[in-house]
Amino acid sequence: MSASDRPARISDPADLIIRQFEPQDLPQVMDLDREVFGGYSPQIFTTFYEYHPRTILVAESSGRLAGFILGFKHTPLEGRVFWLAVRSTYQGRGVGRRLMLSLLKIFRQLGAVSSTLEVRISNRKAQALYTSLGFEPEGVCPGYYSDGEAALIMRRRL
């Protein structure tokens, strides 16, 4: 990694900008998807953007995509977090927390009273983040992911 590829250190929360996804962000989102082994098609992001533009957010630091969150209103009273990803070089710096809090605020503005998400049973780091944000385990969905791993279903009142 060259010096120009390294992210600037986020020393001040003001250095991180949370904003709505824009179509020109797609190449960086796809790059992040590859980094975290998401395996999603670009069409999923463009379709979500078409139907749920308010609930797709990016975290940007010094013009570089640091993280991405995709959510939608699952029912009139419930928001669902579909995907949260943070570049490895930005993990542990509050990027995921800021994205989640921003999305939960939008869900409340849209009239949701709760939010749900699924997280891999093996992803203890993400589970710790979600628990710290008030999400509680609600159940397990066996074989949820394409590799057969189960998902922990978590819910939070807004």
N, C-alpha and C. Protein backbone atom coordinates (compact mmCIF):
# COMPACT_ATOMS: atom_id res chain seq x y z
N MET A 1 0.85 -1.17 0.00
CA MET A 1 0.00 0.00 0.00
C MET A 1 0.89 1.23 0.00
N SER A 2 0.70 2.12 -0.96
CA SER A 2 1.50 3.33 -1.02
C SER A 2 0.97 4.35 -0.02
N ALA A 3 1.77 5.36 0.25
CA ALA A 3 1.38 6.39 1.21
C ALA A 3 0.08 7.07 0.78
N SER A 4 -0.13 7.25 -0.52
CA SER A 4 -1.35 7.91 -0.98
C SER A 4 -2.58 7.03 -0.82
N ASP A 5 -2.38 5.70 -0.72
CA ASP A 5 -3.51 4.79 -0.54
C ASP A 5 -3.91 4.64 0.92
N ARG A 6 -3.01 4.97 1.82
CA ARG A 6 -3.31 4.83 3.24
C ARG A 6 -4.32 5.88 3.68
N PRO A 7 -5.29 5.48 4.49
CA PRO A 7 -6.28 6.46 4.95
C PRO A 7 -5.64 7.45 5.92
N ALA A 8 -6.14 8.66 5.87
CA ALA A 8 -5.72 9.63 6.87
C ALA A 8 -6.27 9.17 8.21
N ARG A 9 -5.52 9.37 9.25
CA ARG A 9 -5.97 8.98 10.58
C ARG A 9 -7.17 9.83 10.98
N ILE A 10 -8.21 9.20 11.42
CA ILE A 10 -9.39 9.93 11.86
C ILE A 10 -9.16 10.28 13.33
N SER A 11 -8.58 11.43 13.57
CA SER A 11 -8.28 11.83 14.93
C SER A 11 -9.42 12.64 15.52
N ASP A 12 -10.19 13.26 14.67
CA ASP A 12 -11.30 14.10 15.09
C ASP A 12 -12.56 13.58 14.41
N PRO A 13 -13.64 13.36 15.16
CA PRO A 13 -14.87 12.87 14.52
C PRO A 13 -15.34 13.76 13.39
N ALA A 14 -14.96 15.02 13.39
CA ALA A 14 -15.36 15.93 12.32
C ALA A 14 -14.70 15.55 11.00
N ASP A 15 -13.62 14.76 11.04
CA ASP A 15 -12.95 14.32 9.82
C ASP A 15 -13.78 13.28 9.07
N LEU A 16 -14.77 12.72 9.72
CA LEU A 16 -15.61 11.70 9.11
C LEU A 16 -16.94 12.31 8.73
N ILE A 17 -17.31 12.16 7.48
CA ILE A 17 -18.57 12.69 6.98
C ILE A 17 -19.51 11.52 6.70
N ILE A 18 -20.70 11.58 7.28
CA ILE A 18 -21.75 10.59 6.99
C ILE A 18 -22.73 11.30 6.06
N ARG A 19 -22.97 10.70 4.91
CA ARG A 19 -23.87 11.31 3.93
C ARG A 19 -24.62 10.21 3.18
N GLN A 20 -25.64 10.64 2.44
CA GLN A 20 -26.39 9.67 1.65
C GLN A 20 -25.55 9.20 0.46
N PHE A 21 -25.74 7.95 0.14
CA PHE A 21 -25.10 7.33 -1.01
C PHE A 21 -25.51 8.07 -2.28
N GLU A 22 -24.57 8.21 -3.21
CA GLU A 22 -24.83 8.77 -4.52
C GLU A 22 -24.32 7.77 -5.56
N PRO A 23 -24.94 7.73 -6.74
CA PRO A 23 -24.53 6.74 -7.74
C PRO A 23 -23.03 6.72 -8.04
N GLN A 24 -22.37 7.86 -7.98
CA GLN A 24 -20.93 7.88 -8.26
C GLN A 24 -20.11 7.20 -7.16
N ASP A 25 -20.74 6.84 -6.04
CA ASP A 25 -20.06 6.10 -4.97
C ASP A 25 -19.96 4.61 -5.29
N LEU A 26 -20.70 4.14 -6.28
CA LEU A 26 -20.79 2.70 -6.54
C LEU A 26 -19.44 2.02 -6.73
N PRO A 27 -18.49 2.58 -7.50
CA PRO A 27 -17.20 1.88 -7.63
C PRO A 27 -16.48 1.67 -6.29
N GLN A 28 -16.53 2.66 -5.40
CA GLN A 28 -15.89 2.50 -4.09
C GLN A 28 -16.67 1.51 -3.21
N VAL A 29 -17.99 1.51 -3.34
CA VAL A 29 -18.81 0.55 -2.58
C VAL A 29 -18.48 -0.86 -3.04
N MET A 30 -18.35 -1.06 -4.35
CA MET A 30 -18.03 -2.39 -4.87
C MET A 30 -16.62 -2.81 -4.43
N ASP A 31 -15.70 -1.87 -4.36
CA ASP A 31 -14.36 -2.16 -3.87
C ASP A 31 -14.42 -2.61 -2.40
N LEU A 32 -15.22 -1.91 -1.61
CA LEU A 32 -15.40 -2.29 -0.20
C LEU A 32 -16.06 -3.66 -0.10
N ASP A 33 -17.06 -3.91 -0.93
CA ASP A 33 -17.73 -5.21 -0.94
C ASP A 33 -16.73 -6.33 -1.19
N ARG A 34 -15.82 -6.14 -2.15
CA ARG A 34 -14.79 -7.15 -2.43
C ARG A 34 -13.86 -7.31 -1.22
N GLU A 35 -13.51 -6.19 -0.58
CA GLU A 35 -12.60 -6.25 0.58
C GLU A 35 -13.18 -7.09 1.72
N VAL A 36 -14.49 -6.96 1.93
CA VAL A 36 -15.12 -7.68 3.05
C VAL A 36 -15.79 -8.98 2.61
N PHE A 37 -15.52 -9.40 1.37
CA PHE A 37 -16.05 -10.65 0.83
C PHE A 37 -17.57 -10.70 0.83
N GLY A 38 -18.19 -9.56 0.54
CA GLY A 38 -19.65 -9.51 0.49
C GLY A 38 -20.23 -10.28 -0.68
N GLY A 39 -19.60 -10.16 -1.84
CA GLY A 39 -20.05 -10.90 -3.01
C GLY A 39 -21.34 -10.41 -3.64
N TYR A 40 -21.71 -9.17 -3.36
CA TYR A 40 -22.95 -8.65 -3.93
C TYR A 40 -22.75 -8.14 -5.34
N SER A 41 -23.83 -8.17 -6.11
CA SER A 41 -23.86 -7.63 -7.47
C SER A 41 -24.09 -6.12 -7.38
N PRO A 42 -23.53 -5.34 -8.30
CA PRO A 42 -23.80 -3.90 -8.30
C PRO A 42 -25.30 -3.60 -8.39
N GLN A 43 -26.06 -4.50 -9.00
CA GLN A 43 -27.50 -4.28 -9.15
C GLN A 43 -28.22 -4.19 -7.81
N ILE A 44 -27.73 -4.91 -6.81
CA ILE A 44 -28.42 -4.85 -5.52
C ILE A 44 -28.32 -3.45 -4.94
N PHE A 45 -27.16 -2.81 -5.11
CA PHE A 45 -26.97 -1.46 -4.58
C PHE A 45 -27.77 -0.44 -5.38
N THR A 46 -27.80 -0.58 -6.70
CA THR A 46 -28.56 0.38 -7.50
C THR A 46 -30.06 0.20 -7.29
N THR A 47 -30.51 -1.03 -7.11
CA THR A 47 -31.93 -1.27 -6.85
C THR A 47 -32.33 -0.70 -5.49
N PHE A 48 -31.51 -0.96 -4.46
CA PHE A 48 -31.81 -0.39 -3.15
C PHE A 48 -31.82 1.13 -3.23
N TYR A 49 -30.88 1.70 -3.96
CA TYR A 49 -30.83 3.16 -4.10
C TYR A 49 -32.10 3.68 -4.77
N GLU A 50 -32.57 2.96 -5.76
CA GLU A 50 -33.78 3.38 -6.47
C GLU A 50 -34.99 3.38 -5.55
N TYR A 51 -35.11 2.36 -4.70
CA TYR A 51 -36.30 2.23 -3.84
C TYR A 51 -36.14 2.81 -2.43
N HIS A 52 -34.91 2.92 -1.95
CA HIS A 52 -34.67 3.37 -0.57
C HIS A 52 -33.51 4.37 -0.48
N PRO A 53 -33.54 5.46 -1.23
CA PRO A 53 -32.38 6.36 -1.28
C PRO A 53 -32.05 7.02 0.06
N ARG A 54 -33.03 7.22 0.93
CA ARG A 54 -32.75 7.89 2.21
C ARG A 54 -32.00 7.01 3.20
N THR A 55 -32.08 5.70 3.02
CA THR A 55 -31.52 4.80 4.03
C THR A 55 -30.28 4.06 3.54
N ILE A 56 -29.58 4.66 2.59
CA ILE A 56 -28.29 4.13 2.15
C ILE A 56 -27.27 5.23 2.40
N LEU A 57 -26.34 4.96 3.29
CA LEU A 57 -25.39 5.98 3.72
C LEU A 57 -23.95 5.53 3.52
N VAL A 58 -23.08 6.51 3.32
CA VAL A 58 -21.64 6.24 3.25
C VAL A 58 -20.95 7.07 4.32
N ALA A 59 -19.82 6.56 4.78
CA ALA A 59 -18.91 7.31 5.65
C ALA A 59 -17.70 7.64 4.80
N GLU A 60 -17.33 8.88 4.81
CA GLU A 60 -16.23 9.34 3.95
C GLU A 60 -15.20 10.06 4.81
N SER A 61 -13.95 9.77 4.55
CA SER A 61 -12.85 10.43 5.25
C SER A 61 -11.82 10.84 4.20
N SER A 62 -11.54 12.12 4.14
CA SER A 62 -10.58 12.66 3.17
C SER A 62 -10.89 12.20 1.74
N GLY A 63 -12.17 12.19 1.39
CA GLY A 63 -12.59 11.82 0.04
C GLY A 63 -12.60 10.34 -0.25
N ARG A 64 -12.29 9.51 0.75
CA ARG A 64 -12.23 8.06 0.56
C ARG A 64 -13.37 7.41 1.34
N LEU A 65 -14.01 6.44 0.71
CA LEU A 65 -15.09 5.71 1.36
C LEU A 65 -14.51 4.87 2.50
N ALA A 66 -14.96 5.14 3.71
CA ALA A 66 -14.49 4.41 4.89
C ALA A 66 -15.48 3.32 5.29
N GLY A 67 -16.76 3.52 4.96
CA GLY A 67 -17.77 2.56 5.33
C GLY A 67 -19.07 2.82 4.60
N PHE A 68 -20.00 1.87 4.74
CA PHE A 68 -21.24 1.91 3.99
C PHE A 68 -22.30 1.17 4.80
N ILE A 69 -23.52 1.70 4.79
CA ILE A 69 -24.63 1.01 5.44
C ILE A 69 -25.85 1.08 4.54
N LEU A 70 -26.54 -0.02 4.47
CA LEU A 70 -27.73 -0.12 3.64
C LEU A 70 -28.87 -0.61 4.53
N GLY A 71 -29.93 0.17 4.59
CA GLY A 71 -31.10 -0.22 5.36
C GLY A 71 -32.36 0.09 4.58
N PHE A 72 -33.48 -0.35 5.10
CA PHE A 72 -34.76 -0.06 4.46
C PHE A 72 -35.87 -0.25 5.46
N LYS A 73 -37.03 0.34 5.17
CA LYS A 73 -38.21 0.13 6.01
C LYS A 73 -38.76 -1.24 5.65
N HIS A 74 -38.63 -2.17 6.57
CA HIS A 74 -39.07 -3.55 6.37
C HIS A 74 -40.60 -3.65 6.44
N THR A 75 -41.17 -2.95 7.39
CA THR A 75 -42.62 -2.83 7.55
C THR A 75 -42.86 -1.36 7.92
N PRO A 76 -44.10 -0.91 7.97
CA PRO A 76 -44.33 0.50 8.32
C PRO A 76 -43.71 0.93 9.65
N LEU A 77 -43.56 -0.01 10.57
CA LEU A 77 -43.04 0.36 11.89
C LEU A 77 -41.65 -0.19 12.19
N GLU A 78 -41.00 -0.82 11.19
CA GLU A 78 -39.70 -1.44 11.45
C GLU A 78 -38.70 -1.13 10.35
N GLY A 79 -37.52 -0.71 10.79
CA GLY A 79 -36.40 -0.53 9.87
C GLY A 79 -35.52 -1.78 9.93
N ARG A 80 -34.89 -2.09 8.82
CA ARG A 80 -34.01 -3.27 8.80
C ARG A 80 -32.64 -2.85 8.28
N VAL A 81 -31.63 -3.22 9.04
CA VAL A 81 -30.26 -3.01 8.60
C VAL A 81 -29.89 -4.21 7.75
N PHE A 82 -29.64 -3.97 6.47
CA PHE A 82 -29.33 -5.06 5.55
C PHE A 82 -27.84 -5.33 5.47
N TRP A 83 -27.03 -4.28 5.47
CA TRP A 83 -25.58 -4.47 5.29
C TRP A 83 -24.83 -3.30 5.88
N LEU A 84 -23.83 -3.61 6.67
CA LEU A 84 -22.90 -2.62 7.22
C LEU A 84 -21.50 -3.15 6.96
N ALA A 85 -20.67 -2.31 6.36
CA ALA A 85 -19.28 -2.71 6.11
C ALA A 85 -18.38 -1.51 6.33
N VAL A 86 -17.23 -1.77 6.95
CA VAL A 86 -16.23 -0.74 7.20
C VAL A 86 -14.90 -1.28 6.70
N ARG A 87 -14.18 -0.46 5.94
CA ARG A 87 -12.85 -0.86 5.48
C ARG A 87 -12.00 -1.25 6.68
N SER A 88 -11.20 -2.28 6.50
CA SER A 88 -10.38 -2.78 7.60
C SER A 88 -9.48 -1.69 8.18
N THR A 89 -8.99 -0.80 7.34
CA THR A 89 -8.09 0.26 7.83
C THR A 89 -8.82 1.31 8.66
N TYR A 90 -10.15 1.28 8.65
CA TYR A 90 -10.94 2.24 9.44
C TYR A 90 -11.66 1.58 10.61
N GLN A 91 -11.54 0.26 10.75
CA GLN A 91 -12.27 -0.42 11.82
C GLN A 91 -11.69 -0.01 13.18
N GLY A 92 -12.57 0.02 14.18
CA GLY A 92 -12.17 0.40 15.52
C GLY A 92 -12.05 1.90 15.72
N ARG A 93 -12.53 2.68 14.77
CA ARG A 93 -12.44 4.14 14.86
C ARG A 93 -13.80 4.81 14.97
N GLY A 94 -14.85 4.04 15.19
CA GLY A 94 -16.18 4.60 15.36
C GLY A 94 -16.98 4.79 14.08
N VAL A 95 -16.44 4.31 12.96
CA VAL A 95 -17.13 4.49 11.68
C VAL A 95 -18.44 3.70 11.67
N GLY A 96 -18.40 2.43 12.04
CA GLY A 96 -19.61 1.61 12.07
C GLY A 96 -20.65 2.16 13.02
N ARG A 97 -20.22 2.61 14.18
CA ARG A 97 -21.13 3.19 15.18
C ARG A 97 -21.83 4.43 14.60
N ARG A 98 -21.07 5.31 13.98
CA ARG A 98 -21.64 6.54 13.42
C ARG A 98 -22.63 6.22 12.29
N LEU A 99 -22.28 5.25 11.45
CA LEU A 99 -23.21 4.85 10.39
C LEU A 99 -24.50 4.30 10.97
N MET A 100 -24.38 3.41 11.96
CA MET A 100 -25.57 2.81 12.58
C MET A 100 -26.44 3.88 13.24
N LEU A 101 -25.85 4.78 14.00
CA LEU A 101 -26.63 5.82 14.67
C LEU A 101 -27.33 6.72 13.66
N SER A 102 -26.67 7.02 12.57
CA SER A 102 -27.29 7.85 11.52
C SER A 102 -28.47 7.14 10.89
N LEU A 103 -28.31 5.86 10.60
CA LEU A 103 -29.40 5.10 9.99
C LEU A 103 -30.58 4.96 10.97
N LEU A 104 -30.30 4.68 12.22
CA LEU A 104 -31.37 4.54 13.21
C LEU A 104 -32.15 5.84 13.36
N LYS A 105 -31.46 6.96 13.29
CA LYS A 105 -32.13 8.27 13.35
C LYS A 105 -33.08 8.44 12.17
N ILE A 106 -32.64 8.05 10.97
CA ILE A 106 -33.50 8.14 9.79
C ILE A 106 -34.70 7.22 9.93
N PHE A 107 -34.48 6.00 10.44
CA PHE A 107 -35.61 5.09 10.66
C PHE A 107 -36.66 5.75 11.56
N ARG A 108 -36.21 6.39 12.66
CA ARG A 108 -37.15 7.07 13.56
C ARG A 108 -37.91 8.17 12.81
N GLN A 109 -37.18 8.95 12.00
CA GLN A 109 -37.82 10.02 11.24
C GLN A 109 -38.86 9.48 10.27
N LEU A 110 -38.66 8.28 9.80
CA LEU A 110 -39.60 7.64 8.87
C LEU A 110 -40.74 6.91 9.59
N GLY A 111 -40.77 6.99 10.92
CA GLY A 111 -41.87 6.42 11.68
C GLY A 111 -41.65 5.03 12.24
N ALA A 112 -40.45 4.49 12.09
CA ALA A 112 -40.17 3.15 12.64
C ALA A 112 -40.08 3.23 14.16
N VAL A 113 -40.50 2.17 14.82
CA VAL A 113 -40.39 2.08 16.28
C VAL A 113 -39.39 1.02 16.71
N SER A 114 -38.90 0.24 15.74
CA SER A 114 -37.88 -0.76 16.05
C SER A 114 -37.02 -0.99 14.81
N SER A 115 -35.91 -1.67 15.04
CA SER A 115 -35.00 -2.02 13.95
C SER A 115 -34.49 -3.43 14.18
N THR A 116 -34.31 -4.17 13.11
CA THR A 116 -33.76 -5.52 13.19
C THR A 116 -32.54 -5.63 12.28
N LEU A 117 -31.76 -6.65 12.55
CA LEU A 117 -30.61 -6.97 11.70
C LEU A 117 -30.24 -8.42 11.91
N GLU A 118 -29.46 -8.94 10.98
CA GLU A 118 -28.91 -10.28 11.10
C GLU A 118 -27.39 -10.12 11.11
N VAL A 119 -26.74 -10.94 11.92
CA VAL A 119 -25.28 -10.91 11.99
C VAL A 119 -24.79 -12.34 12.11
N ARG A 120 -23.66 -12.60 11.47
CA ARG A 120 -23.09 -13.95 11.54
C ARG A 120 -22.85 -14.35 13.01
N ILE A 121 -23.14 -15.60 13.31
CA ILE A 121 -22.91 -16.13 14.65
C ILE A 121 -21.44 -15.95 15.05
N SER A 122 -20.54 -16.07 14.07
CA SER A 122 -19.11 -15.97 14.37
C SER A 122 -18.59 -14.54 14.48
N ASN A 123 -19.39 -13.55 14.13
CA ASN A 123 -18.91 -12.17 14.10
C ASN A 123 -19.14 -11.49 15.46
N ARG A 124 -18.29 -11.84 16.40
CA ARG A 124 -18.42 -11.31 17.77
C ARG A 124 -18.17 -9.80 17.83
N LYS A 125 -17.29 -9.30 16.99
CA LYS A 125 -16.99 -7.88 16.98
C LYS A 125 -18.23 -7.06 16.60
N ALA A 126 -18.92 -7.48 15.55
CA ALA A 126 -20.15 -6.79 15.13
C ALA A 126 -21.24 -6.95 16.19
N GLN A 127 -21.35 -8.13 16.77
CA GLN A 127 -22.35 -8.36 17.82
C GLN A 127 -22.11 -7.42 19.00
N ALA A 128 -20.86 -7.21 19.36
CA ALA A 128 -20.53 -6.30 20.46
C ALA A 128 -20.95 -4.87 20.13
N LEU A 129 -20.71 -4.45 18.88
CA LEU A 129 -21.14 -3.11 18.46
C LEU A 129 -22.66 -2.99 18.57
N TYR A 130 -23.38 -3.95 18.02
CA TYR A 130 -24.84 -3.88 18.02
C TYR A 130 -25.39 -3.91 19.45
N THR A 131 -24.82 -4.73 20.29
CA THR A 131 -25.26 -4.79 21.69
C THR A 131 -25.03 -3.45 22.37
N SER A 132 -23.89 -2.82 22.11
CA SER A 132 -23.59 -1.53 22.72
C SER A 132 -24.55 -0.44 22.24
N LEU A 133 -25.19 -0.67 21.10
CA LEU A 133 -26.17 0.28 20.56
C LEU A 133 -27.60 -0.07 20.98
N GLY A 134 -27.75 -1.07 21.84
CA GLY A 134 -29.07 -1.42 22.36
C GLY A 134 -29.79 -2.55 21.66
N PHE A 135 -29.15 -3.20 20.72
CA PHE A 135 -29.77 -4.35 20.06
C PHE A 135 -29.67 -5.55 20.99
N GLU A 136 -30.70 -6.37 20.97
CA GLU A 136 -30.73 -7.58 21.79
C GLU A 136 -31.00 -8.79 20.91
N PRO A 137 -30.36 -9.93 21.24
CA PRO A 137 -30.62 -11.15 20.47
C PRO A 137 -32.09 -11.54 20.54
N GLU A 138 -32.62 -11.95 19.42
CA GLU A 138 -34.02 -12.35 19.37
C GLU A 138 -34.20 -13.78 18.90
N GLY A 139 -33.21 -14.32 18.23
CA GLY A 139 -33.32 -15.68 17.73
C GLY A 139 -32.15 -16.00 16.81
N VAL A 140 -32.13 -17.23 16.34
CA VAL A 140 -31.09 -17.69 15.43
C VAL A 140 -31.76 -18.27 14.20
N CYS A 141 -31.18 -17.94 13.05
CA CYS A 141 -31.67 -18.49 11.78
C CYS A 141 -30.59 -19.40 11.22
N PRO A 142 -30.77 -20.73 11.36
CA PRO A 142 -29.75 -21.68 10.88
C PRO A 142 -29.56 -21.58 9.36
N GLY A 143 -28.33 -21.75 8.93
CA GLY A 143 -28.03 -21.79 7.49
C GLY A 143 -28.39 -20.53 6.74
N TYR A 144 -28.39 -19.39 7.38
CA TYR A 144 -28.84 -18.13 6.78
C TYR A 144 -27.92 -17.67 5.65
N TYR A 145 -26.62 -17.78 5.84
CA TYR A 145 -25.65 -17.30 4.85
C TYR A 145 -25.34 -18.37 3.82
N SER A 146 -24.86 -17.93 2.66
CA SER A 146 -24.62 -18.85 1.54
C SER A 146 -23.62 -19.95 1.88
N ASP A 147 -22.74 -19.69 2.86
CA ASP A 147 -21.77 -20.73 3.25
C ASP A 147 -22.32 -21.64 4.34
N GLY A 148 -23.60 -21.46 4.70
CA GLY A 148 -24.25 -22.33 5.68
C GLY A 148 -24.20 -21.83 7.10
N GLU A 149 -23.49 -20.73 7.35
CA GLU A 149 -23.40 -20.22 8.72
C GLU A 149 -24.74 -19.65 9.16
N ALA A 150 -25.03 -19.80 10.44
CA ALA A 150 -26.26 -19.28 11.02
C ALA A 150 -26.15 -17.77 11.26
N ALA A 151 -27.31 -17.14 11.34
CA ALA A 151 -27.38 -15.71 11.66
C ALA A 151 -28.05 -15.52 13.00
N LEU A 152 -27.53 -14.60 13.79
CA LEU A 152 -28.17 -14.16 15.01
C LEU A 152 -29.07 -13.00 14.64
N ILE A 153 -30.36 -13.09 14.96
CA ILE A 153 -31.31 -12.02 14.69
C ILE A 153 -31.31 -11.11 15.92
N MET A 154 -31.15 -9.80 15.68
CA MET A 154 -31.11 -8.84 16.79
C MET A 154 -32.13 -7.74 16.52
N ARG A 155 -32.70 -7.22 17.59
CA ARG A 155 -33.73 -6.17 17.49
C ARG A 155 -33.46 -5.10 18.54
N ARG A 156 -33.87 -3.88 18.16
CA ARG A 156 -33.76 -2.75 19.08
C ARG A 156 -34.99 -1.87 18.92
N ARG A 157 -35.52 -1.39 20.04
CA ARG A 157 -36.59 -0.38 19.99
C ARG A 157 -35.95 0.96 19.71
N LEU A 158 -36.63 1.79 18.95
CA LEU A 158 -36.08 3.10 18.59
C LEU A 158 -36.63 4.21 19.46
